[in-house]
Amino acid sequence: MMYTPETTPTENPWKAQRRAKKVDALVSALDGALDASKILLPEQRLDAVAGMGSVGWASASAVAGVNLPSVETRWEVVRRYEARVRASLDAQIASDLAKALRAVAV
């Protein structure tokens, strides 16, 4: 780990880039498996990914063609699914708010 003069830890940019590629590959493989399993809602996808054990991660990494992910990489994948849930909820709130405003305006 590198340190700046202020002793703030920074992540190696090459390591971060490799991790991002691995996360992309894992998310793609997991999306394919979740689509095949008919798990469509973002909340259910998050629950499925967050509840995966070592065997699930090993299977996902084999399908994605990457090495077994570290704990940090696994959390990056879970965070990506959490972001999808937040985006889905934001879209639902915006849609409901727009419907309510249209009802009030009429």
N, C-alpha and C. Protein backbone atom coordinates (compact mmCIF):
# COMPACT_ATOMS: atom_id res chain seq x y z
N MET A 1 0.85 -1.17 0.00
CA MET A 1 0.00 0.00 0.00
C MET A 1 0.90 1.23 0.00
N MET A 2 0.57 2.19 -0.84
CA MET A 2 1.36 3.41 -0.94
C MET A 2 0.79 4.47 0.00
N TYR A 3 1.65 5.36 0.45
CA TYR A 3 1.21 6.44 1.34
C TYR A 3 1.63 7.78 0.76
N THR A 4 0.76 8.73 0.82
CA THR A 4 1.10 10.09 0.43
C THR A 4 1.80 10.74 1.61
N PRO A 5 2.37 11.92 1.43
CA PRO A 5 3.06 12.56 2.56
C PRO A 5 2.18 12.75 3.78
N GLU A 6 0.85 12.84 3.59
CA GLU A 6 -0.04 13.01 4.73
C GLU A 6 -0.36 11.67 5.40
N THR A 7 0.29 10.60 4.96
CA THR A 7 0.09 9.23 5.44
C THR A 7 -1.35 8.76 5.22
N THR A 8 -1.95 9.19 4.13
CA THR A 8 -3.28 8.72 3.76
C THR A 8 -3.11 7.52 2.84
N PRO A 9 -3.69 6.38 3.19
CA PRO A 9 -3.53 5.22 2.31
C PRO A 9 -4.28 5.43 1.00
N THR A 10 -3.63 5.06 -0.09
CA THR A 10 -4.26 5.10 -1.40
C THR A 10 -4.13 3.74 -2.04
N GLU A 11 -5.07 3.42 -2.90
CA GLU A 11 -5.04 2.12 -3.55
C GLU A 11 -4.23 2.20 -4.83
N ASN A 12 -3.51 1.15 -5.11
CA ASN A 12 -2.75 1.05 -6.34
C ASN A 12 -3.70 1.12 -7.53
N PRO A 13 -3.51 2.06 -8.48
CA PRO A 13 -4.46 2.19 -9.59
C PRO A 13 -4.53 0.95 -10.49
N TRP A 14 -3.43 0.23 -10.64
CA TRP A 14 -3.45 -0.97 -11.46
C TRP A 14 -4.25 -2.07 -10.78
N LYS A 15 -4.10 -2.17 -9.48
CA LYS A 15 -4.86 -3.16 -8.73
C LYS A 15 -6.35 -2.83 -8.78
N ALA A 16 -6.68 -1.55 -8.68
CA ALA A 16 -8.07 -1.13 -8.74
C ALA A 16 -8.66 -1.43 -10.12
N GLN A 17 -7.89 -1.23 -11.15
CA GLN A 17 -8.37 -1.51 -12.52
C GLN A 17 -8.60 -3.01 -12.71
N ARG A 18 -7.69 -3.83 -12.22
CA ARG A 18 -7.87 -5.29 -12.33
C ARG A 18 -9.09 -5.74 -11.53
N ARG A 19 -9.28 -5.15 -10.34
CA ARG A 19 -10.43 -5.51 -9.52
C ARG A 19 -11.73 -5.10 -10.23
N ALA A 20 -11.74 -3.94 -10.85
CA ALA A 20 -12.94 -3.48 -11.56
C ALA A 20 -13.29 -4.42 -12.71
N LYS A 21 -12.28 -4.89 -13.43
CA LYS A 21 -12.53 -5.84 -14.52
C LYS A 21 -13.08 -7.15 -13.97
N LYS A 22 -12.54 -7.60 -12.86
CA LYS A 22 -13.01 -8.84 -12.24
C LYS A 22 -14.44 -8.67 -11.76
N VAL A 23 -14.75 -7.52 -11.16
CA VAL A 23 -16.11 -7.25 -10.69
C VAL A 23 -17.08 -7.25 -11.87
N ASP A 24 -16.69 -6.60 -12.97
CA ASP A 24 -17.54 -6.58 -14.17
C ASP A 24 -17.82 -8.00 -14.67
N ALA A 25 -16.79 -8.83 -14.72
CA ALA A 25 -16.95 -10.20 -15.19
C ALA A 25 -17.85 -11.00 -14.24
N LEU A 26 -17.66 -10.83 -12.95
CA LEU A 26 -18.48 -11.55 -11.97
C LEU A 26 -19.94 -11.10 -12.03
N VAL A 27 -20.18 -9.80 -12.14
CA VAL A 27 -21.55 -9.30 -12.21
C VAL A 27 -22.23 -9.82 -13.47
N SER A 28 -21.51 -9.85 -14.57
CA SER A 28 -22.07 -10.37 -15.81
C SER A 28 -22.44 -11.84 -15.68
N ALA A 29 -21.55 -12.63 -15.09
CA ALA A 29 -21.83 -14.05 -14.89
C ALA A 29 -23.00 -14.26 -13.93
N LEU A 30 -23.04 -13.48 -12.86
CA LEU A 30 -24.14 -13.60 -11.90
C LEU A 30 -25.46 -13.16 -12.52
N ASP A 31 -25.44 -12.10 -13.33
CA ASP A 31 -26.67 -11.67 -14.00
C ASP A 31 -27.23 -12.77 -14.89
N GLY A 32 -26.35 -13.45 -15.61
CA GLY A 32 -26.79 -14.56 -16.45
C GLY A 32 -27.42 -15.68 -15.64
N ALA A 33 -26.80 -16.01 -14.52
CA ALA A 33 -27.33 -17.08 -13.67
C ALA A 33 -28.65 -16.66 -13.03
N LEU A 34 -28.74 -15.41 -12.60
CA LEU A 34 -29.97 -14.94 -11.97
C LEU A 34 -31.10 -14.82 -12.98
N ASP A 35 -30.78 -14.42 -14.22
CA ASP A 35 -31.79 -14.39 -15.27
C ASP A 35 -32.31 -15.79 -15.57
N ALA A 36 -31.41 -16.75 -15.64
CA ALA A 36 -31.81 -18.13 -15.91
C ALA A 36 -32.65 -18.69 -14.76
N SER A 37 -32.42 -18.21 -13.56
CA SER A 37 -33.18 -18.66 -12.40
C SER A 37 -34.47 -17.87 -12.20
N LYS A 38 -34.74 -16.93 -13.10
CA LYS A 38 -35.94 -16.09 -13.05
C LYS A 38 -35.99 -15.22 -11.80
N ILE A 39 -34.82 -14.80 -11.34
CA ILE A 39 -34.75 -13.85 -10.23
C ILE A 39 -34.58 -12.49 -10.87
N LEU A 40 -35.68 -11.73 -10.94
CA LEU A 40 -35.69 -10.51 -11.73
C LEU A 40 -35.64 -9.23 -10.91
N LEU A 41 -36.22 -9.22 -9.72
CA LEU A 41 -36.25 -8.00 -8.92
C LEU A 41 -34.87 -7.69 -8.34
N PRO A 42 -34.46 -6.43 -8.35
CA PRO A 42 -33.14 -6.07 -7.81
C PRO A 42 -32.96 -6.46 -6.35
N GLU A 43 -34.03 -6.37 -5.57
CA GLU A 43 -33.92 -6.73 -4.15
C GLU A 43 -33.64 -8.23 -3.99
N GLN A 44 -34.29 -9.04 -4.81
CA GLN A 44 -34.06 -10.48 -4.74
C GLN A 44 -32.67 -10.84 -5.23
N ARG A 45 -32.20 -10.13 -6.25
CA ARG A 45 -30.85 -10.37 -6.75
C ARG A 45 -29.81 -10.04 -5.67
N LEU A 46 -30.02 -8.92 -4.98
CA LEU A 46 -29.11 -8.54 -3.90
C LEU A 46 -29.10 -9.60 -2.81
N ASP A 47 -30.28 -10.08 -2.42
CA ASP A 47 -30.34 -11.12 -1.39
C ASP A 47 -29.61 -12.39 -1.84
N ALA A 48 -29.79 -12.76 -3.10
CA ALA A 48 -29.14 -13.97 -3.62
C ALA A 48 -27.63 -13.82 -3.62
N VAL A 49 -27.13 -12.68 -4.07
CA VAL A 49 -25.68 -12.47 -4.14
C VAL A 49 -25.09 -12.32 -2.74
N ALA A 50 -25.76 -11.57 -1.88
CA ALA A 50 -25.24 -11.37 -0.53
C ALA A 50 -25.23 -12.67 0.27
N GLY A 51 -26.12 -13.60 -0.05
CA GLY A 51 -26.19 -14.86 0.68
C GLY A 51 -25.35 -15.97 0.09
N MET A 52 -24.58 -15.67 -0.94
CA MET A 52 -23.77 -16.72 -1.57
C MET A 52 -22.63 -17.14 -0.65
N GLY A 53 -22.36 -18.42 -0.65
CA GLY A 53 -21.24 -18.95 0.12
C GLY A 53 -20.03 -19.17 -0.77
N SER A 54 -19.07 -19.87 -0.26
CA SER A 54 -17.83 -20.11 -1.00
C SER A 54 -18.06 -20.88 -2.29
N VAL A 55 -18.98 -21.83 -2.25
CA VAL A 55 -19.26 -22.62 -3.45
C VAL A 55 -19.89 -21.75 -4.53
N GLY A 56 -20.80 -20.86 -4.13
CA GLY A 56 -21.42 -19.95 -5.08
C GLY A 56 -20.40 -19.02 -5.73
N TRP A 57 -19.49 -18.49 -4.94
CA TRP A 57 -18.46 -17.61 -5.49
C TRP A 57 -17.51 -18.39 -6.39
N ALA A 58 -17.21 -19.62 -6.03
CA ALA A 58 -16.34 -20.45 -6.87
C ALA A 58 -17.01 -20.73 -8.21
N SER A 59 -18.31 -21.02 -8.19
CA SER A 59 -19.04 -21.27 -9.43
C SER A 59 -19.10 -20.01 -10.29
N ALA A 60 -19.39 -18.88 -9.66
CA ALA A 60 -19.47 -17.62 -10.40
C ALA A 60 -18.12 -17.26 -11.02
N SER A 61 -17.04 -17.46 -10.28
CA SER A 61 -15.73 -17.13 -10.82
C SER A 61 -15.35 -18.08 -11.95
N ALA A 62 -15.77 -19.34 -11.86
CA ALA A 62 -15.48 -20.28 -12.95
C ALA A 62 -16.23 -19.88 -14.22
N VAL A 63 -17.49 -19.49 -14.07
CA VAL A 63 -18.28 -19.06 -15.23
C VAL A 63 -17.71 -17.76 -15.80
N ALA A 64 -17.27 -16.85 -14.93
CA ALA A 64 -16.73 -15.56 -15.37
C ALA A 64 -15.33 -15.69 -15.95
N GLY A 65 -14.66 -16.80 -15.66
CA GLY A 65 -13.30 -16.99 -16.16
C GLY A 65 -12.26 -16.20 -15.40
N VAL A 66 -12.51 -15.99 -14.11
CA VAL A 66 -11.56 -15.26 -13.26
C VAL A 66 -11.18 -16.13 -12.07
N ASN A 67 -10.12 -15.73 -11.37
CA ASN A 67 -9.73 -16.44 -10.16
C ASN A 67 -10.78 -16.22 -9.07
N LEU A 68 -10.73 -17.06 -8.06
CA LEU A 68 -11.64 -16.92 -6.93
C LEU A 68 -11.49 -15.53 -6.34
N PRO A 69 -12.58 -14.78 -6.20
CA PRO A 69 -12.46 -13.38 -5.75
C PRO A 69 -12.12 -13.27 -4.27
N SER A 70 -11.40 -12.21 -3.95
CA SER A 70 -11.08 -11.92 -2.56
C SER A 70 -12.32 -11.37 -1.87
N VAL A 71 -12.22 -11.21 -0.56
CA VAL A 71 -13.34 -10.65 0.20
C VAL A 71 -13.66 -9.24 -0.28
N GLU A 72 -12.63 -8.45 -0.57
CA GLU A 72 -12.84 -7.08 -1.05
C GLU A 72 -13.57 -7.06 -2.38
N THR A 73 -13.20 -7.97 -3.27
CA THR A 73 -13.86 -8.04 -4.58
C THR A 73 -15.30 -8.50 -4.42
N ARG A 74 -15.53 -9.44 -3.52
CA ARG A 74 -16.90 -9.88 -3.28
C ARG A 74 -17.77 -8.73 -2.78
N TRP A 75 -17.22 -7.91 -1.89
CA TRP A 75 -17.99 -6.77 -1.38
C TRP A 75 -18.22 -5.73 -2.47
N GLU A 76 -17.29 -5.60 -3.41
CA GLU A 76 -17.52 -4.69 -4.54
C GLU A 76 -18.70 -5.17 -5.39
N VAL A 77 -18.79 -6.48 -5.57
CA VAL A 77 -19.92 -7.04 -6.33
C VAL A 77 -21.23 -6.78 -5.58
N VAL A 78 -21.23 -7.02 -4.28
CA VAL A 78 -22.44 -6.78 -3.48
C VAL A 78 -22.80 -5.30 -3.52
N ARG A 79 -21.80 -4.42 -3.44
CA ARG A 79 -22.08 -2.98 -3.51
C ARG A 79 -22.69 -2.60 -4.84
N ARG A 80 -22.27 -3.26 -5.91
CA ARG A 80 -22.85 -2.98 -7.22
C ARG A 80 -24.33 -3.35 -7.25
N TYR A 81 -24.67 -4.47 -6.63
CA TYR A 81 -26.09 -4.87 -6.56
C TYR A 81 -26.86 -3.94 -5.62
N GLU A 82 -26.23 -3.47 -4.56
CA GLU A 82 -26.90 -2.50 -3.68
C GLU A 82 -27.20 -1.21 -4.44
N ALA A 83 -26.28 -0.79 -5.29
CA ALA A 83 -26.50 0.42 -6.09
C ALA A 83 -27.68 0.22 -7.04
N ARG A 84 -27.82 -0.98 -7.58
CA ARG A 84 -28.96 -1.26 -8.45
C ARG A 84 -30.27 -1.19 -7.68
N VAL A 85 -30.28 -1.67 -6.46
CA VAL A 85 -31.48 -1.60 -5.63
C VAL A 85 -31.83 -0.14 -5.36
N ARG A 86 -30.83 0.66 -5.00
CA ARG A 86 -31.08 2.08 -4.74
C ARG A 86 -31.62 2.77 -5.99
N ALA A 87 -31.05 2.47 -7.15
CA ALA A 87 -31.52 3.07 -8.40
C ALA A 87 -32.95 2.65 -8.70
N SER A 88 -33.27 1.40 -8.45
CA SER A 88 -34.63 0.91 -8.68
C SER A 88 -35.62 1.60 -7.75
N LEU A 89 -35.25 1.73 -6.49
CA LEU A 89 -36.14 2.41 -5.54
C LEU A 89 -36.30 3.89 -5.89
N ASP A 90 -35.22 4.53 -6.32
CA ASP A 90 -35.32 5.93 -6.73
C ASP A 90 -36.25 6.09 -7.92
N ALA A 91 -36.17 5.16 -8.87
CA ALA A 91 -37.04 5.22 -10.04
C ALA A 91 -38.50 5.01 -9.64
N GLN A 92 -38.74 4.09 -8.72
CA GLN A 92 -40.11 3.85 -8.26
C GLN A 92 -40.66 5.08 -7.52
N ILE A 93 -39.84 5.69 -6.70
CA ILE A 93 -40.27 6.90 -5.98
C ILE A 93 -40.56 8.03 -6.96
N ALA A 94 -39.70 8.21 -7.94
CA ALA A 94 -39.91 9.26 -8.93
C ALA A 94 -41.18 9.02 -9.72
N SER A 95 -41.44 7.78 -10.08
CA SER A 95 -42.65 7.45 -10.82
C SER A 95 -43.90 7.72 -9.98
N ASP A 96 -43.87 7.28 -8.73
CA ASP A 96 -45.02 7.52 -7.84
C ASP A 96 -45.24 9.01 -7.58
N LEU A 97 -44.15 9.73 -7.43
CA LEU A 97 -44.24 11.17 -7.21
C LEU A 97 -44.83 11.88 -8.44
N ALA A 98 -44.40 11.45 -9.61
CA ALA A 98 -44.93 12.04 -10.85
C ALA A 98 -46.43 11.76 -10.98
N LYS A 99 -46.85 10.55 -10.64
CA LYS A 99 -48.28 10.22 -10.69
C LYS A 99 -49.07 11.07 -9.70
N ALA A 100 -48.52 11.25 -8.51
CA ALA A 100 -49.22 12.07 -7.50
C ALA A 100 -49.31 13.52 -7.94
N LEU A 101 -48.26 14.05 -8.54
CA LEU A 101 -48.30 15.43 -9.01
C LEU A 101 -49.28 15.62 -10.16
N ARG A 102 -49.35 14.62 -11.03
CA ARG A 102 -50.33 14.69 -12.12
C ARG A 102 -51.75 14.65 -11.57
N ALA A 103 -51.97 13.85 -10.54
CA ALA A 103 -53.32 13.75 -9.95
C ALA A 103 -53.70 15.05 -9.27
N VAL A 104 -52.77 15.73 -8.65
CA VAL A 104 -53.04 16.99 -7.97
C VAL A 104 -53.27 18.10 -9.00
N ALA A 105 -52.53 18.05 -10.09
CA ALA A 105 -52.61 19.11 -11.11
C ALA A 105 -53.92 19.06 -11.86
N VAL A 106 -54.57 17.91 -11.91
CA VAL A 106 -55.82 17.79 -12.67
C VAL A 106 -57.00 18.24 -11.88
